[in-house]
């Protein structure tokens, strides 16, 4: 069965969600690395955020126009859809289990919610491409939970 090419708004939506997921994932990794090397301060945090924004913009642009397009929204997107669907379900579930057992880990207030966001955004991409809106609802819930957790974690962080 041939796979049709999605409309331009669908391609933009998927490219943006993949770009945002890569931004959150990269920045969470940078925060963890900077925290472990004791170099996490305002200047290094802003520099890491700017570098991650550039990388996420490049990923989103490649998803819309470059070689990555055929793997995200083109004719080769079935693998992406399978990985995104399973990832959007399993990553928040694994994060929930991790948070129950590793509550005292350093930077838990940022890394665990970032995993919810990174897990929720592919659910939105699957909903856009497949039209299965329960994935979209799951993606919105997981993303909103992660954002709320980061906001409250920043408020209560010392």
Protein backbone atom coordinates (compact mmCIF):
# COMPACT_ATOMS: atom_id res chain seq x y z
CA UNK A 1 0.00 0.00 0.00
CA UNK A 2 1.62 3.29 -1.05
CA UNK A 3 2.06 5.97 1.56
CA UNK A 4 0.91 9.44 0.61
CA UNK A 5 3.01 12.49 1.35
CA UNK A 6 1.48 14.57 4.18
CA UNK A 7 0.37 18.13 3.65
CA UNK A 8 2.71 21.04 4.29
CA UNK A 9 1.15 21.89 7.69
CA UNK A 10 1.59 18.26 8.77
CA UNK A 11 5.22 18.27 7.65
CA UNK A 12 5.83 21.53 9.50
CA UNK A 13 4.13 20.17 12.63
CA UNK A 14 6.19 16.98 12.65
CA UNK A 15 9.43 18.87 11.96
CA UNK A 16 8.70 21.30 14.80
CA UNK A 17 7.84 18.54 17.29
CA UNK A 18 11.01 16.61 16.39
CA UNK A 19 13.03 19.82 16.70
CA UNK A 20 11.53 20.59 20.10
CA UNK A 21 12.13 17.03 21.31
CA UNK A 22 15.75 17.27 20.22
CA UNK A 23 16.08 20.66 21.95
CA UNK A 24 14.78 19.33 25.25
CA UNK A 25 16.81 16.12 24.98
CA UNK A 26 20.03 17.91 24.11
CA UNK A 27 19.59 20.55 26.79
CA UNK A 28 18.80 17.96 29.46
CA UNK A 29 21.95 16.10 28.48
CA UNK A 30 23.99 19.33 28.66
CA UNK A 31 22.58 20.15 32.10
CA UNK A 32 23.46 16.68 33.35
CA UNK A 33 26.99 16.83 31.95
CA UNK A 34 27.62 20.36 33.24
CA UNK A 35 26.19 19.40 36.62
CA UNK A 36 28.44 16.36 36.89
CA UNK A 37 31.53 18.36 35.93
CA UNK A 38 30.60 21.11 38.43
CA UNK A 39 30.52 23.70 35.67
CA UNK A 40 26.79 24.40 35.65
CA UNK A 41 26.42 28.13 36.09
CA UNK A 42 24.45 30.86 34.39
CA UNK A 43 26.94 31.49 31.59
CA UNK A 44 27.52 27.86 30.69
CA UNK A 45 23.78 27.17 30.93
CA UNK A 46 22.95 29.97 28.48
CA UNK A 47 25.74 28.88 26.12
CA UNK A 48 24.45 25.30 26.22
CA UNK A 49 20.88 26.48 25.60
CA UNK A 50 21.95 28.55 22.58
CA UNK A 51 23.95 25.65 21.14
CA UNK A 52 21.00 23.31 21.68
CA UNK A 53 18.63 25.80 20.01
CA UNK A 54 20.91 25.92 16.97
CA UNK A 55 21.09 22.13 16.83
CA UNK A 56 17.30 21.78 17.22
CA UNK A 57 16.71 24.39 14.52
CA UNK A 58 19.01 22.44 12.21
CA UNK A 59 17.13 19.20 12.95
CA UNK A 60 13.75 20.89 12.31
CA UNK A 61 15.01 22.45 9.07
CA UNK A 62 16.45 19.15 7.87
CA UNK A 63 13.15 17.50 8.76
CA UNK A 64 11.28 20.00 6.63
CA UNK A 65 13.62 20.41 3.66
CA UNK A 66 16.67 18.14 3.90
CA UNK A 67 17.52 14.47 3.75
CA UNK A 68 15.77 13.81 7.05
CA UNK A 69 12.44 14.73 5.41
CA UNK A 70 11.92 11.36 3.73
CA UNK A 71 12.55 9.57 7.05
CA UNK A 72 10.17 11.81 9.03
CA UNK A 73 7.35 12.71 6.70
CA UNK A 74 8.22 11.13 3.35
CA UNK A 75 7.97 7.68 1.91
CA UNK A 76 10.41 6.13 4.41
CA UNK A 77 8.57 7.29 7.54
CA UNK A 78 7.22 3.93 8.77
CA UNK A 79 10.29 3.26 10.92
CA UNK A 80 10.07 6.74 12.44
CA UNK A 81 6.38 6.21 13.20
CA UNK A 82 7.02 2.87 14.92
CA UNK A 83 9.89 4.22 17.02
CA UNK A 84 7.99 7.42 17.86
CA UNK A 85 4.84 5.53 18.84
CA UNK A 86 6.67 3.09 21.12
CA UNK A 87 8.93 5.82 22.49
CA UNK A 88 6.02 8.09 23.33
CA UNK A 89 4.49 5.32 25.44
CA UNK A 90 7.56 3.66 26.96
CA UNK A 91 9.75 6.69 27.80
CA UNK A 92 7.21 8.38 30.11
CA UNK A 93 6.40 5.01 31.69
CA UNK A 94 10.09 4.27 32.31
CA UNK A 95 10.55 7.81 33.64
CA UNK A 96 7.70 7.34 36.07
CA UNK A 97 9.28 4.11 37.34
CA UNK A 98 12.73 5.74 37.56
CA UNK A 99 11.37 8.66 39.55
CA UNK A 100 9.85 6.26 42.06
CA UNK A 101 13.23 4.63 42.74
CA UNK A 102 15.83 7.34 42.04
CA UNK A 103 14.23 10.37 43.68
CA UNK A 104 17.49 11.53 45.29
CA UNK A 105 19.50 11.60 42.06
CA UNK A 106 21.08 14.97 41.32
CA UNK A 107 19.19 17.08 38.79
CA UNK A 108 16.15 14.79 39.04
CA UNK A 109 14.05 17.93 39.06
CA UNK A 110 15.05 18.59 35.45
CA UNK A 111 16.01 15.29 33.84
CA UNK A 112 12.88 13.30 34.67
CA UNK A 113 10.44 15.95 33.40
CA UNK A 114 12.59 16.41 30.30
CA UNK A 115 12.11 12.70 29.59
CA UNK A 116 8.33 13.20 29.82
CA UNK A 117 8.56 16.05 27.31
CA UNK A 118 10.83 14.07 24.98
CA UNK A 119 8.42 11.14 25.25
CA UNK A 120 5.30 13.24 24.73
CA UNK A 121 6.34 15.16 21.64
CA UNK A 122 6.73 12.08 19.39
CA UNK A 123 3.18 11.16 20.40
CA UNK A 124 2.07 14.44 18.86
CA UNK A 125 4.06 13.67 15.70
CA UNK A 126 2.39 10.26 15.42
CA UNK A 127 -1.01 11.86 15.88
CA UNK A 128 -0.28 14.36 13.12
CA UNK A 129 0.94 11.78 10.63
CA UNK A 130 -1.37 8.87 11.38
CA UNK A 131 -4.45 10.70 12.51
CA UNK A 132 -4.61 8.64 15.70
CA UNK A 133 -5.51 11.41 18.05
CA UNK A 134 -5.28 9.36 21.22
CA UNK A 135 -1.51 9.49 20.65
CA UNK A 136 -1.90 13.26 20.46
CA UNK A 137 -3.83 13.34 23.71
CA UNK A 138 -1.19 11.15 25.36
CA UNK A 139 1.53 13.40 23.93
CA UNK A 140 -0.15 16.54 25.27
CA UNK A 141 -0.59 14.99 28.71
CA UNK A 142 3.02 13.75 28.92
CA UNK A 143 4.43 17.04 27.60
CA UNK A 144 2.27 19.17 29.89
CA UNK A 145 3.20 16.99 32.88
CA UNK A 146 6.90 17.41 32.08
CA UNK A 147 6.60 21.18 31.62
CA UNK A 148 4.62 21.52 34.85
CA UNK A 149 7.19 19.40 36.69
CA UNK A 150 10.09 21.55 35.37
CA UNK A 151 8.25 24.75 36.34
CA UNK A 152 7.54 23.58 39.86
CA UNK A 153 11.03 22.09 40.17
CA UNK A 154 12.61 25.40 39.22
CA UNK A 155 10.36 27.15 41.73
CA UNK A 156 11.34 24.82 44.57
CA UNK A 157 15.00 24.33 43.57
CA UNK A 158 17.57 25.85 45.88
